[in-house]
C-alpha atoms as a PDB file:
ATOM      1  CA  MET A   1     -40.464  34.576 -26.134  1.00  0.00           C
ATOM      2  CA  PRO A   2     -37.364  32.676 -27.381  1.00  0.00           C
ATOM      3  CA  ILE A   3     -36.532  29.254 -26.022  1.00  0.00           C
ATOM      4  CA  TYR A   4     -32.886  28.623 -25.274  1.00  0.00           C
ATOM      5  CA  GLU A   5     -31.321  25.215 -24.955  1.00  0.00           C
ATOM      6  CA  ALA A   6     -28.501  24.743 -22.514  1.00  0.00           C
ATOM      7  CA  GLU A   7     -25.966  21.992 -22.566  1.00  0.00           C
ATOM      8  CA  ALA A   8     -23.840  21.112 -19.577  1.00  0.00           C
ATOM      9  CA  VAL A   9     -20.180  21.014 -20.521  1.00  0.00           C
ATOM     10  CA  ASP A  10     -17.509  19.685 -18.237  1.00  0.00           C
ATOM     11  CA  GLN A  11     -14.515  21.913 -18.895  1.00  0.00           C
ATOM     12  CA  ASN A  12     -12.194  19.535 -17.061  1.00  0.00           C
ATOM     13  CA  ALA A  13     -13.294  16.444 -19.003  1.00  0.00           C
ATOM     14  CA  GLU A  14     -10.191  16.362 -21.186  1.00  0.00           C
ATOM     15  CA  LYS A  15      -7.935  16.873 -18.144  1.00  0.00           C
ATOM     16  CA  GLN A  16      -9.408  14.006 -16.101  1.00  0.00           C
ATOM     17  CA  PRO A  17      -7.853  10.618 -16.886  1.00  0.00           C
ATOM     18  CA  ASN A  18     -10.057   7.704 -17.668  1.00  0.00           C
ATOM     19  CA  ALA A  19     -10.707   5.674 -14.494  1.00  0.00           C
ATOM     20  CA  ALA A  20     -10.238   2.354 -16.291  1.00  0.00           C
ATOM     21  CA  ALA A  21      -6.887   3.483 -17.704  1.00  0.00           C
ATOM     22  CA  GLU A  22      -5.736   4.546 -14.233  1.00  0.00           C
ATOM     23  CA  ARG A  23      -6.781   1.198 -12.760  1.00  0.00           C
ATOM     24  CA  ASP A  24      -4.973  -0.696 -15.516  1.00  0.00           C
ATOM     25  CA  ARG A  25      -1.851   1.402 -14.979  1.00  0.00           C
ATOM     26  CA  PHE A  26      -1.963   0.679 -11.219  1.00  0.00           C
ATOM     27  CA  TRP A  27      -2.292  -3.085 -11.686  1.00  0.00           C
ATOM     28  CA  GLY A  28       0.312  -2.988 -14.433  1.00  0.00           C
ATOM     29  CA  MET A  29       2.726  -1.358 -12.012  1.00  0.00           C
ATOM     30  CA  LEU A  30       2.032  -4.134  -9.498  1.00  0.00           C
ATOM     31  CA  ASN A  31       3.229  -6.701 -12.018  1.00  0.00           C
ATOM     32  CA  ASN A  32       6.735  -5.377 -11.402  1.00  0.00           C
ATOM     33  CA  GLY A  33       8.172  -7.556  -8.639  1.00  0.00           C
ATOM     34  CA  TRP A  34      10.455  -4.839  -7.262  1.00  0.00           C
ATOM     35  CA  VAL A  35       7.539  -2.442  -6.848  1.00  0.00           C
ATOM     36  CA  VAL A  36       5.524  -5.069  -4.957  1.00  0.00           C
ATOM     37  CA  LEU A  37       8.449  -5.857  -2.639  1.00  0.00           C
ATOM     38  CA  ALA A  38       9.109  -2.157  -2.025  1.00  0.00           C
ATOM     39  CA  ILE A  39       5.446  -1.653  -1.091  1.00  0.00           C
ATOM     40  CA  LEU A  40       5.549  -4.661   1.243  1.00  0.00           C
ATOM     41  CA  PHE A  41       8.745  -3.741   3.068  1.00  0.00           C
ATOM     42  CA  PHE A  42       8.581   0.067   3.116  1.00  0.00           C
ATOM     43  CA  VAL A  43       4.867   0.888   3.183  1.00  0.00           C
ATOM     44  CA  THR A  44       2.345  -1.775   4.141  1.00  0.00           C
ATOM     45  CA  ALA A  45       4.113  -4.745   5.797  1.00  0.00           C
ATOM     46  CA  CYS A  46       1.662  -7.682   6.147  1.00  0.00           C
ATOM     47  CA  ILE A  47      -1.341  -5.569   5.111  1.00  0.00           C
ATOM     48  CA  GLY A  48       0.018  -5.568   1.552  1.00  0.00           C
ATOM     49  CA  LEU A  49       0.060  -9.358   1.170  1.00  0.00           C
ATOM     50  CA  PRO A  50      -3.036  -9.361  -1.093  1.00  0.00           C
ATOM     51  CA  LEU A  51      -1.037  -7.214  -3.525  1.00  0.00           C
ATOM     52  CA  LEU A  52       1.689  -9.845  -3.547  1.00  0.00           C
ATOM     53  CA  TRP A  53      -0.797 -12.623  -4.251  1.00  0.00           C
ATOM     54  CA  ARG A  54      -2.525 -10.587  -6.969  1.00  0.00           C
ATOM     55  CA  SER A  55       0.771  -9.838  -8.732  1.00  0.00           C
ATOM     56  CA  THR A  56       1.615 -12.007 -11.721  1.00  0.00           C
ATOM     57  CA  SER A  57       5.382 -11.498 -11.445  1.00  0.00           C
ATOM     58  CA  PHE A  58       5.819 -14.169  -8.752  1.00  0.00           C
ATOM     59  CA  SER A  59       5.260 -17.907  -8.916  1.00  0.00           C
ATOM     60  CA  PRO A  60       3.013 -19.502  -6.268  1.00  0.00           C
ATOM     61  CA  VAL A  61       6.054 -20.964  -4.480  1.00  0.00           C
ATOM     62  CA  SER A  62       7.839 -17.611  -4.377  1.00  0.00           C
ATOM     63  CA  LYS A  63       4.631 -15.954  -3.184  1.00  0.00           C
ATOM     64  CA  ALA A  64       4.499 -18.386  -0.266  1.00  0.00           C
ATOM     65  CA  ILE A  65       8.173 -17.768   0.553  1.00  0.00           C
ATOM     66  CA  TRP A  66       7.747 -13.973   0.399  1.00  0.00           C
ATOM     67  CA  THR A  67       4.620 -14.273   2.559  1.00  0.00           C
ATOM     68  CA  VAL A  68       6.601 -16.010   5.301  1.00  0.00           C
ATOM     69  CA  ILE A  69       9.404 -13.439   5.011  1.00  0.00           C
ATOM     70  CA  VAL A  70       6.972 -10.500   5.169  1.00  0.00           C
ATOM     71  CA  LEU A  71       5.158 -11.981   8.178  1.00  0.00           C
ATOM     72  CA  ALA A  72       8.484 -12.456   9.995  1.00  0.00           C
ATOM     73  CA  TYR A  73       9.477  -8.899   9.086  1.00  0.00           C
ATOM     74  CA  THR A  74       6.156  -7.577  10.402  1.00  0.00           C
ATOM     75  CA  GLY A  75       6.612  -9.544  13.635  1.00  0.00           C
ATOM     76  CA  LEU A  76      10.082  -8.024  13.996  1.00  0.00           C
ATOM     77  CA  ILE A  77       8.649  -4.531  13.536  1.00  0.00           C
ATOM     78  CA  PHE A  78       6.065  -5.152  16.283  1.00  0.00           C
ATOM     79  CA  TRP A  79       8.683  -6.704  18.599  1.00  0.00           C
ATOM     80  CA  VAL A  80      10.990  -3.681  18.196  1.00  0.00           C
ATOM     81  CA  PHE A  81       8.021  -1.385  18.773  1.00  0.00           C
ATOM     82  CA  ILE A  82       7.092  -3.184  22.017  1.00  0.00           C
ATOM     83  CA  LEU A  83      10.703  -3.033  23.228  1.00  0.00           C
ATOM     84  CA  LEU A  84      10.852   0.677  22.425  1.00  0.00           C
ATOM     85  CA  MET A  85       7.598   1.385  24.237  1.00  0.00           C
ATOM     86  CA  ALA A  86       8.756  -0.597  27.297  1.00  0.00           C
ATOM     87  CA  TRP A  87      11.987   1.401  27.355  1.00  0.00           C
ATOM     88  CA  CYS A  88      10.089   4.689  26.988  1.00  0.00           C
ATOM     89  CA  TYR A  89       7.708   3.712  29.784  1.00  0.00           C
ATOM     90  CA  GLY A  90      10.635   2.953  32.090  1.00  0.00           C
ATOM     91  CA  GLU A  91      12.316   6.250  31.277  1.00  0.00           C
ATOM     92  CA  ILE A  92       9.151   8.311  31.749  1.00  0.00           C
ATOM     93  CA  SER A  93       8.071   6.572  34.954  1.00  0.00           C
ATOM     94  CA  GLY A  94      11.604   6.955  36.336  1.00  0.00           C
ATOM     95  CA  ALA A  95      11.642  10.656  35.505  1.00  0.00           C
ATOM     96  CA  LEU A  96       8.314  11.225  37.294  1.00  0.00           C
ATOM     97  CA  ARG A  97       9.522   9.767  40.625  1.00  0.00           C
END
């Protein structure tokens, strides 16, 4: 009776990028100040502040200034949201009477 040896081969191994290279590319992209600011103002608001502080493209003073600006911007977003919801509530409750 012959004995066969089997070897597991991942056919997608050459197609899958190296995880370390992907991580380095991500953090390298975050060293671009414009990318960090775009993420802060268009995607994450104050939740993205750790990305700002991890980025090496800003000095500590500019990081503190951008932190204050982003927090004010986030507060403005919430204030506009509350005003919009109050307006919607008034319109809906008025329509139901």
